[in-house]
Amino acid sequence: MIFDKRKGSLLNYIQMPLHVITPTGTYLGTGYNANSKPTYILSHVKVNLESVSALTFSSMSKNAIILDNKPTLGVSDGVVGYKYKVSATETNYGYITVAGTRIDITSKKITKPMAEFILEKQLRNIGNILEKFIKVKIAQPQYDALLYHFYNEGVDTIENSPVIALINAKDWYSVTDEIQSGIKKSNGTIDERLAQQKMKTAKMFSYVPSFS
């Protein structure tokens, strides 16, 4: 597959710029002008923006991760479920606490519903870190996209992430381009799995109800 893009578009889908949610309104991509600059119209759909502290994960980010990954149902090398790293304390006590509920791991085995419940704890943990570094209000789809993005990229990349820097700079029209960057392997070839993952993230970030 050939991966190419214009400003604001999806990889390999260059016909139309992605929608853009901003504090001043929601803008729908309509095409490109003669200079290949993306064009937009203001939508009647107003997507609410909230402080990150007021947001929580939705099924959008949770289901995206579940669809992409097969959970490990046995503790292996200190990891279980959807790449959850079991702490030494959790190992010693024999359970993982999620929203006040204890999940027993003394047998070193869990069920798929348990793995999905633990994933909710992982998403909340990512959200707690995002709260420290995002200084502006964002929309629910943008928040879910960031949860999905940093689940894949690693929470240790949040502090110095160019994506977070663009959001804080309110450069809303450049975020999906940055999300979709860095798709080449060390040998210079395209990592198609990674490209598809980043396209999925960009689509989630630009999601507008009734138009996406």
C-alpha atoms as a PDB file:
ATOM      1  CA  MET A   1       0.000   0.000   0.000  1.00  0.00           C
ATOM      2  CA  ILE A   2       1.210   3.515  -0.833  1.00  0.00           C
ATOM      3  CA  PHE A   3       1.046   5.978   2.057  1.00  0.00           C
ATOM      4  CA  ASP A   4       0.921   9.637   1.108  1.00  0.00           C
ATOM      5  CA  LYS A   5      -0.990  12.638   2.377  1.00  0.00           C
ATOM      6  CA  ARG A   6      -1.786  16.296   2.018  1.00  0.00           C
ATOM      7  CA  LYS A   7      -1.938  18.822   4.830  1.00  0.00           C
ATOM      8  CA  GLY A   8      -4.754  17.818   7.181  1.00  0.00           C
ATOM      9  CA  SER A   9      -5.632  14.542   5.450  1.00  0.00           C
ATOM     10  CA  LEU A  10      -5.405  10.889   6.372  1.00  0.00           C
ATOM     11  CA  LEU A  11      -2.490   8.816   5.147  1.00  0.00           C
ATOM     12  CA  ASN A  12      -3.456   7.332   1.770  1.00  0.00           C
ATOM     13  CA  TYR A  13      -6.749   9.260   1.753  1.00  0.00           C
ATOM     14  CA  ILE A  14      -5.769  12.605   0.239  1.00  0.00           C
ATOM     15  CA  GLN A  15      -9.116  13.625  -1.241  1.00  0.00           C
ATOM     16  CA  MET A  16     -10.440  15.444   1.827  1.00  0.00           C
ATOM     17  CA  PRO A  17      -8.986  17.149   4.908  1.00  0.00           C
ATOM     18  CA  LEU A  18     -10.074  15.780   8.273  1.00  0.00           C
ATOM     19  CA  HIS A  19     -12.558  17.734  10.381  1.00  0.00           C
ATOM     20  CA  VAL A  20     -11.106  20.065  12.998  1.00  0.00           C
ATOM     21  CA  ILE A  21     -12.602  20.775  16.434  1.00  0.00           C
ATOM     22  CA  THR A  22     -11.560  24.151  17.878  1.00  0.00           C
ATOM     23  CA  PRO A  23     -12.749  26.467  20.674  1.00  0.00           C
ATOM     24  CA  THR A  24     -14.280  28.784  18.072  1.00  0.00           C
ATOM     25  CA  GLY A  25     -16.262  26.089  16.280  1.00  0.00           C
ATOM     26  CA  THR A  26     -16.194  22.782  14.452  1.00  0.00           C
ATOM     27  CA  TYR A  27     -14.820  22.937  10.926  1.00  0.00           C
ATOM     28  CA  LEU A  28     -15.579  20.298   8.298  1.00  0.00           C
ATOM     29  CA  GLY A  29     -13.004  19.545   5.630  1.00  0.00           C
ATOM     30  CA  THR A  30     -14.326  20.251   2.132  1.00  0.00           C
ATOM     31  CA  GLY A  31     -11.291  19.852  -0.112  1.00  0.00           C
ATOM     32  CA  TYR A  32      -8.190  21.697  -1.310  1.00  0.00           C
ATOM     33  CA  ASN A  33      -7.733  24.925  -3.215  1.00  0.00           C
ATOM     34  CA  ALA A  34      -5.460  25.529  -6.202  1.00  0.00           C
ATOM     35  CA  ASN A  35      -2.487  25.903  -3.863  1.00  0.00           C
ATOM     36  CA  SER A  36      -3.232  22.535  -2.168  1.00  0.00           C
ATOM     37  CA  LYS A  37      -4.299  24.337   1.004  1.00  0.00           C
ATOM     38  CA  PRO A  38      -7.119  22.565   2.872  1.00  0.00           C
ATOM     39  CA  THR A  39     -10.513  24.266   2.876  1.00  0.00           C
ATOM     40  CA  TYR A  40     -13.226  24.061   5.548  1.00  0.00           C
ATOM     41  CA  ILE A  41     -16.752  25.157   6.346  1.00  0.00           C
ATOM     42  CA  LEU A  42     -18.105  25.952   9.793  1.00  0.00           C
ATOM     43  CA  SER A  43     -20.431  23.201  10.988  1.00  0.00           C
ATOM     44  CA  HIS A  44     -23.704  23.739  12.823  1.00  0.00           C
ATOM     45  CA  VAL A  45     -22.567  20.951  15.179  1.00  0.00           C
ATOM     46  CA  LYS A  46     -20.938  22.415  18.279  1.00  0.00           C
ATOM     47  CA  VAL A  47     -18.621  19.964  20.020  1.00  0.00           C
ATOM     48  CA  ASN A  48     -18.161  20.867  23.671  1.00  0.00           C
ATOM     49  CA  LEU A  49     -14.659  21.372  25.027  1.00  0.00           C
ATOM     50  CA  GLU A  50     -13.800  20.592  28.627  1.00  0.00           C
ATOM     51  CA  SER A  51     -10.817  20.775  30.933  1.00  0.00           C
ATOM     52  CA  VAL A  52      -8.964  17.471  30.894  1.00  0.00           C
ATOM     53  CA  SER A  53      -9.717  17.051  34.603  1.00  0.00           C
ATOM     54  CA  ALA A  54     -13.452  16.934  33.747  1.00  0.00           C
ATOM     55  CA  LEU A  55     -13.076  14.218  31.107  1.00  0.00           C
ATOM     56  CA  THR A  56     -12.925  10.447  31.400  1.00  0.00           C
ATOM     57  CA  PHE A  57     -12.455   7.667  28.876  1.00  0.00           C
ATOM     58  CA  SER A  58     -15.376   6.505  26.765  1.00  0.00           C
ATOM     59  CA  SER A  59     -16.067   3.326  24.814  1.00  0.00           C
ATOM     60  CA  MET A  60     -14.326   4.963  21.839  1.00  0.00           C
ATOM     61  CA  SER A  61     -10.818   4.582  23.263  1.00  0.00           C
ATOM     62  CA  LYS A  62     -11.504   1.425  25.242  1.00  0.00           C
ATOM     63  CA  ASN A  63     -13.028  -0.466  22.319  1.00  0.00           C
ATOM     64  CA  ALA A  64     -10.293   0.696  19.941  1.00  0.00           C
ATOM     65  CA  ILE A  65      -7.665  -0.898  22.184  1.00  0.00           C
ATOM     66  CA  ILE A  66      -9.706  -4.079  22.651  1.00  0.00           C
ATOM     67  CA  LEU A  67     -10.128  -4.441  18.883  1.00  0.00           C
ATOM     68  CA  ASP A  68      -6.413  -4.004  18.283  1.00  0.00           C
ATOM     69  CA  ASN A  69      -5.073  -6.283  20.980  1.00  0.00           C
ATOM     70  CA  LYS A  70      -5.502  -9.787  22.320  1.00  0.00           C
ATOM     71  CA  PRO A  71      -5.308  -9.768  26.131  1.00  0.00           C
ATOM     72  CA  THR A  72      -2.862 -11.927  28.050  1.00  0.00           C
ATOM     73  CA  LEU A  73      -4.992 -13.922  30.481  1.00  0.00           C
ATOM     74  CA  GLY A  74      -2.076 -15.227  32.499  1.00  0.00           C
ATOM     75  CA  VAL A  75       0.491 -13.129  34.361  1.00  0.00           C
ATOM     76  CA  SER A  76       3.677 -13.372  32.299  1.00  0.00           C
ATOM     77  CA  ASP A  77       6.854 -11.450  33.162  1.00  0.00           C
ATOM     78  CA  GLY A  78       4.769  -9.189  35.383  1.00  0.00           C
ATOM     79  CA  VAL A  79       2.337  -8.282  32.608  1.00  0.00           C
ATOM     80  CA  VAL A  80      -1.329  -9.262  32.271  1.00  0.00           C
ATOM     81  CA  GLY A  81      -4.399  -8.265  30.283  1.00  0.00           C
ATOM     82  CA  TYR A  82      -3.867  -5.404  27.858  1.00  0.00           C
ATOM     83  CA  LYS A  83      -0.183  -4.836  28.696  1.00  0.00           C
ATOM     84  CA  TYR A  84      -0.924  -4.008  32.332  1.00  0.00           C
ATOM     85  CA  LYS A  85       2.257  -4.062  34.408  1.00  0.00           C
ATOM     86  CA  VAL A  86       1.554  -5.714  37.742  1.00  0.00           C
ATOM     87  CA  SER A  87       3.342  -3.892  40.561  1.00  0.00           C
ATOM     88  CA  ALA A  88       5.367  -5.649  43.232  1.00  0.00           C
ATOM     89  CA  THR A  89       2.748  -4.594  45.798  1.00  0.00           C
ATOM     90  CA  GLU A  90      -0.067  -6.098  43.718  1.00  0.00           C
ATOM     91  CA  THR A  91       1.919  -9.307  43.343  1.00  0.00           C
ATOM     92  CA  ASN A  92       2.556  -9.478  47.087  1.00  0.00           C
ATOM     93  CA  TYR A  93      -1.088  -8.867  47.995  1.00  0.00           C
ATOM     94  CA  GLY A  94      -2.404 -11.096  45.223  1.00  0.00           C
ATOM     95  CA  TYR A  95      -4.886  -8.655  43.693  1.00  0.00           C
ATOM     96  CA  ILE A  96      -5.245  -5.621  41.443  1.00  0.00           C
ATOM     97  CA  THR A  97      -7.614  -2.900  42.614  1.00  0.00           C
ATOM     98  CA  VAL A  98      -9.780  -1.261  39.969  1.00  0.00           C
ATOM     99  CA  ALA A  99     -12.329   1.379  41.032  1.00  0.00           C
ATOM    100  CA  GLY A 100     -12.527  -0.095  44.536  1.00  0.00           C
ATOM    101  CA  THR A 101     -12.920  -3.676  43.254  1.00  0.00           C
ATOM    102  CA  ARG A 102     -10.250  -6.306  43.847  1.00  0.00           C
ATOM    103  CA  ILE A 103      -9.285  -8.597  40.993  1.00  0.00           C
ATOM    104  CA  ASP A 104      -7.637 -11.753  42.331  1.00  0.00           C
ATOM    105  CA  ILE A 105      -4.349 -12.713  40.655  1.00  0.00           C
ATOM    106  CA  THR A 106      -3.125 -15.340  43.108  1.00  0.00           C
ATOM    107  CA  SER A 107      -3.739 -18.025  40.488  1.00  0.00           C
ATOM    108  CA  LYS A 108      -1.809 -15.919  37.939  1.00  0.00           C
ATOM    109  CA  LYS A 109      -4.861 -16.064  35.679  1.00  0.00           C
ATOM    110  CA  ILE A 110      -7.675 -13.667  34.823  1.00  0.00           C
ATOM    111  CA  THR A 111     -10.661 -13.654  32.465  1.00  0.00           C
ATOM    112  CA  LYS A 112     -11.209 -11.410  29.436  1.00  0.00           C
ATOM    113  CA  PRO A 113     -13.834  -9.300  31.272  1.00  0.00           C
ATOM    114  CA  MET A 114     -11.294  -8.831  34.060  1.00  0.00           C
ATOM    115  CA  ALA A 115      -8.684  -7.725  31.520  1.00  0.00           C
ATOM    116  CA  GLU A 116     -11.147  -5.187  30.099  1.00  0.00           C
ATOM    117  CA  PHE A 117     -11.894  -3.908  33.607  1.00  0.00           C
ATOM    118  CA  ILE A 118      -8.172  -3.510  34.319  1.00  0.00           C
ATOM    119  CA  LEU A 119      -7.870  -1.618  31.020  1.00  0.00           C
ATOM    120  CA  GLU A 120     -10.195   1.009  32.453  1.00  0.00           C
ATOM    121  CA  LYS A 121      -7.655   1.563  35.240  1.00  0.00           C
ATOM    122  CA  GLN A 122      -4.932   1.943  32.613  1.00  0.00           C
ATOM    123  CA  LEU A 123      -6.968   4.534  30.727  1.00  0.00           C
ATOM    124  CA  ARG A 124      -7.641   6.505  33.905  1.00  0.00           C
ATOM    125  CA  ASN A 125      -3.903   6.436  34.688  1.00  0.00           C
ATOM    126  CA  ILE A 126      -3.075   7.806  31.234  1.00  0.00           C
ATOM    127  CA  GLY A 127      -5.734  10.484  31.745  1.00  0.00           C
ATOM    128  CA  ASN A 128      -4.170  11.504  35.055  1.00  0.00           C
ATOM    129  CA  ILE A 129      -0.861  12.135  33.301  1.00  0.00           C
ATOM    130  CA  LEU A 130      -2.507  14.024  30.432  1.00  0.00           C
ATOM    131  CA  GLU A 131      -4.132  16.257  33.036  1.00  0.00           C
ATOM    132  CA  LYS A 132      -0.681  17.372  34.196  1.00  0.00           C
ATOM    133  CA  PHE A 133       0.502  18.467  30.770  1.00  0.00           C
ATOM    134  CA  ILE A 134      -2.506  19.634  28.728  1.00  0.00           C
ATOM    135  CA  LYS A 135      -3.246  23.256  29.572  1.00  0.00           C
ATOM    136  CA  VAL A 136      -6.238  23.902  27.295  1.00  0.00           C
ATOM    137  CA  LYS A 137      -9.760  22.547  26.953  1.00  0.00           C
ATOM    138  CA  ILE A 138     -10.317  19.665  24.526  1.00  0.00           C
ATOM    139  CA  ALA A 139     -13.269  17.639  23.244  1.00  0.00           C
ATOM    140  CA  GLN A 140     -14.220  14.102  24.258  1.00  0.00           C
ATOM    141  CA  PRO A 141     -13.154  12.543  20.904  1.00  0.00           C
ATOM    142  CA  GLN A 142      -9.800  14.336  21.149  1.00  0.00           C
ATOM    143  CA  TYR A 143      -9.333  13.030  24.686  1.00  0.00           C
ATOM    144  CA  ASP A 144     -10.155   9.470  23.656  1.00  0.00           C
ATOM    145  CA  ALA A 145      -7.758   9.740  20.722  1.00  0.00           C
ATOM    146  CA  LEU A 146      -4.986  10.844  23.079  1.00  0.00           C
ATOM    147  CA  LEU A 147      -5.701   7.951  25.447  1.00  0.00           C
ATOM    148  CA  TYR A 148      -5.463   5.542  22.521  1.00  0.00           C
ATOM    149  CA  HIS A 149      -2.353   7.281  21.164  1.00  0.00           C
ATOM    150  CA  PHE A 150      -0.415   7.205  24.426  1.00  0.00           C
ATOM    151  CA  TYR A 151      -1.551   3.682  25.266  1.00  0.00           C
ATOM    152  CA  ASN A 152       0.351   2.741  22.109  1.00  0.00           C
ATOM    153  CA  GLU A 153       3.202   5.250  22.356  1.00  0.00           C
ATOM    154  CA  GLY A 154       3.767   4.897  26.105  1.00  0.00           C
ATOM    155  CA  VAL A 155       2.894   7.317  28.892  1.00  0.00           C
ATOM    156  CA  ASP A 156       6.559   8.245  29.284  1.00  0.00           C
ATOM    157  CA  THR A 157       6.331  10.092  25.948  1.00  0.00           C
ATOM    158  CA  ILE A 158       3.545  12.447  27.056  1.00  0.00           C
ATOM    159  CA  GLU A 159       5.656  15.169  28.686  1.00  0.00           C
ATOM    160  CA  ASN A 160       7.761  15.916  25.596  1.00  0.00           C
ATOM    161  CA  SER A 161       5.227  14.910  22.959  1.00  0.00           C
ATOM    162  CA  PRO A 162       4.987  17.223  19.896  1.00  0.00           C
ATOM    163  CA  VAL A 163       1.266  16.352  19.818  1.00  0.00           C
ATOM    164  CA  ILE A 164       0.759  17.808  23.303  1.00  0.00           C
ATOM    165  CA  ALA A 165       2.841  20.856  22.367  1.00  0.00           C
ATOM    166  CA  LEU A 166       0.605  21.550  19.344  1.00  0.00           C
ATOM    167  CA  ILE A 167      -2.535  21.182  21.469  1.00  0.00           C
ATOM    168  CA  ASN A 168      -1.227  23.595  24.098  1.00  0.00           C
ATOM    169  CA  ALA A 169      -0.296  26.018  21.303  1.00  0.00           C
ATOM    170  CA  LYS A 170      -3.892  25.653  19.991  1.00  0.00           C
ATOM    171  CA  ASP A 171      -2.550  24.648  16.572  1.00  0.00           C
ATOM    172  CA  TRP A 172      -5.590  22.444  15.987  1.00  0.00           C
ATOM    173  CA  TYR A 173      -5.037  22.137  12.231  1.00  0.00           C
ATOM    174  CA  SER A 174      -1.625  20.464  12.652  1.00  0.00           C
ATOM    175  CA  VAL A 175      -2.363  17.864  15.335  1.00  0.00           C
ATOM    176  CA  THR A 176      -3.531  15.027  13.070  1.00  0.00           C
ATOM    177  CA  ASP A 177      -0.532  15.564  10.797  1.00  0.00           C
ATOM    178  CA  GLU A 178       1.797  15.139  13.764  1.00  0.00           C
ATOM    179  CA  ILE A 179      -0.122  12.101  15.015  1.00  0.00           C
ATOM    180  CA  GLN A 180       0.439  10.427  11.645  1.00  0.00           C
ATOM    181  CA  SER A 181       4.177  11.156  11.480  1.00  0.00           C
ATOM    182  CA  GLY A 182       6.956   8.687  12.223  1.00  0.00           C
ATOM    183  CA  ILE A 183       5.630   5.684  10.309  1.00  0.00           C
ATOM    184  CA  LYS A 184       8.935   4.431   8.916  1.00  0.00           C
ATOM    185  CA  LYS A 185      11.011   1.547  10.246  1.00  0.00           C
ATOM    186  CA  SER A 186      14.741   1.903  10.876  1.00  0.00           C
ATOM    187  CA  ASN A 187      15.414   0.535   7.392  1.00  0.00           C
ATOM    188  CA  GLY A 188      13.361   3.305   5.791  1.00  0.00           C
ATOM    189  CA  THR A 189      10.341   1.201   4.809  1.00  0.00           C
ATOM    190  CA  ILE A 190       6.797   1.998   5.913  1.00  0.00           C
ATOM    191  CA  ASP A 191       5.512   0.193   8.992  1.00  0.00           C
ATOM    192  CA  GLU A 192       2.015  -0.528   7.666  1.00  0.00           C
ATOM    193  CA  ARG A 193       0.632  -1.686  11.020  1.00  0.00           C
ATOM    194  CA  LEU A 194       1.846   1.514  12.664  1.00  0.00           C
ATOM    195  CA  ALA A 195       0.495   3.615   9.793  1.00  0.00           C
ATOM    196  CA  GLN A 196      -2.949   2.064  10.174  1.00  0.00           C
ATOM    197  CA  GLN A 197      -2.832   2.650  13.933  1.00  0.00           C
ATOM    198  CA  LYS A 198      -1.940   6.311  13.475  1.00  0.00           C
ATOM    199  CA  MET A 199      -4.677   6.776  10.874  1.00  0.00           C
ATOM    200  CA  LYS A 200      -7.145   5.320  13.372  1.00  0.00           C
ATOM    201  CA  THR A 201      -5.925   7.800  16.008  1.00  0.00           C
ATOM    202  CA  ALA A 202      -6.248  10.755  13.624  1.00  0.00           C
ATOM    203  CA  LYS A 203      -9.796   9.762  12.658  1.00  0.00           C
ATOM    204  CA  MET A 204     -10.709   9.499  16.330  1.00  0.00           C
ATOM    205  CA  PHE A 205      -9.194  12.921  17.116  1.00  0.00           C
ATOM    206  CA  SER A 206     -11.222  14.549  14.317  1.00  0.00           C
ATOM    207  CA  TYR A 207     -14.483  12.726  15.027  1.00  0.00           C
ATOM    208  CA  VAL A 208     -17.563  14.915  14.739  1.00  0.00           C
ATOM    209  CA  PRO A 209     -20.975  13.329  15.510  1.00  0.00           C
ATOM    210  CA  SER A 210     -23.153  13.003  12.373  1.00  0.00           C
ATOM    211  CA  PHE A 211     -20.229  13.908  10.096  1.00  0.00           C
ATOM    212  CA  SER A 212     -17.563  11.251  10.752  1.00  0.00           C
END
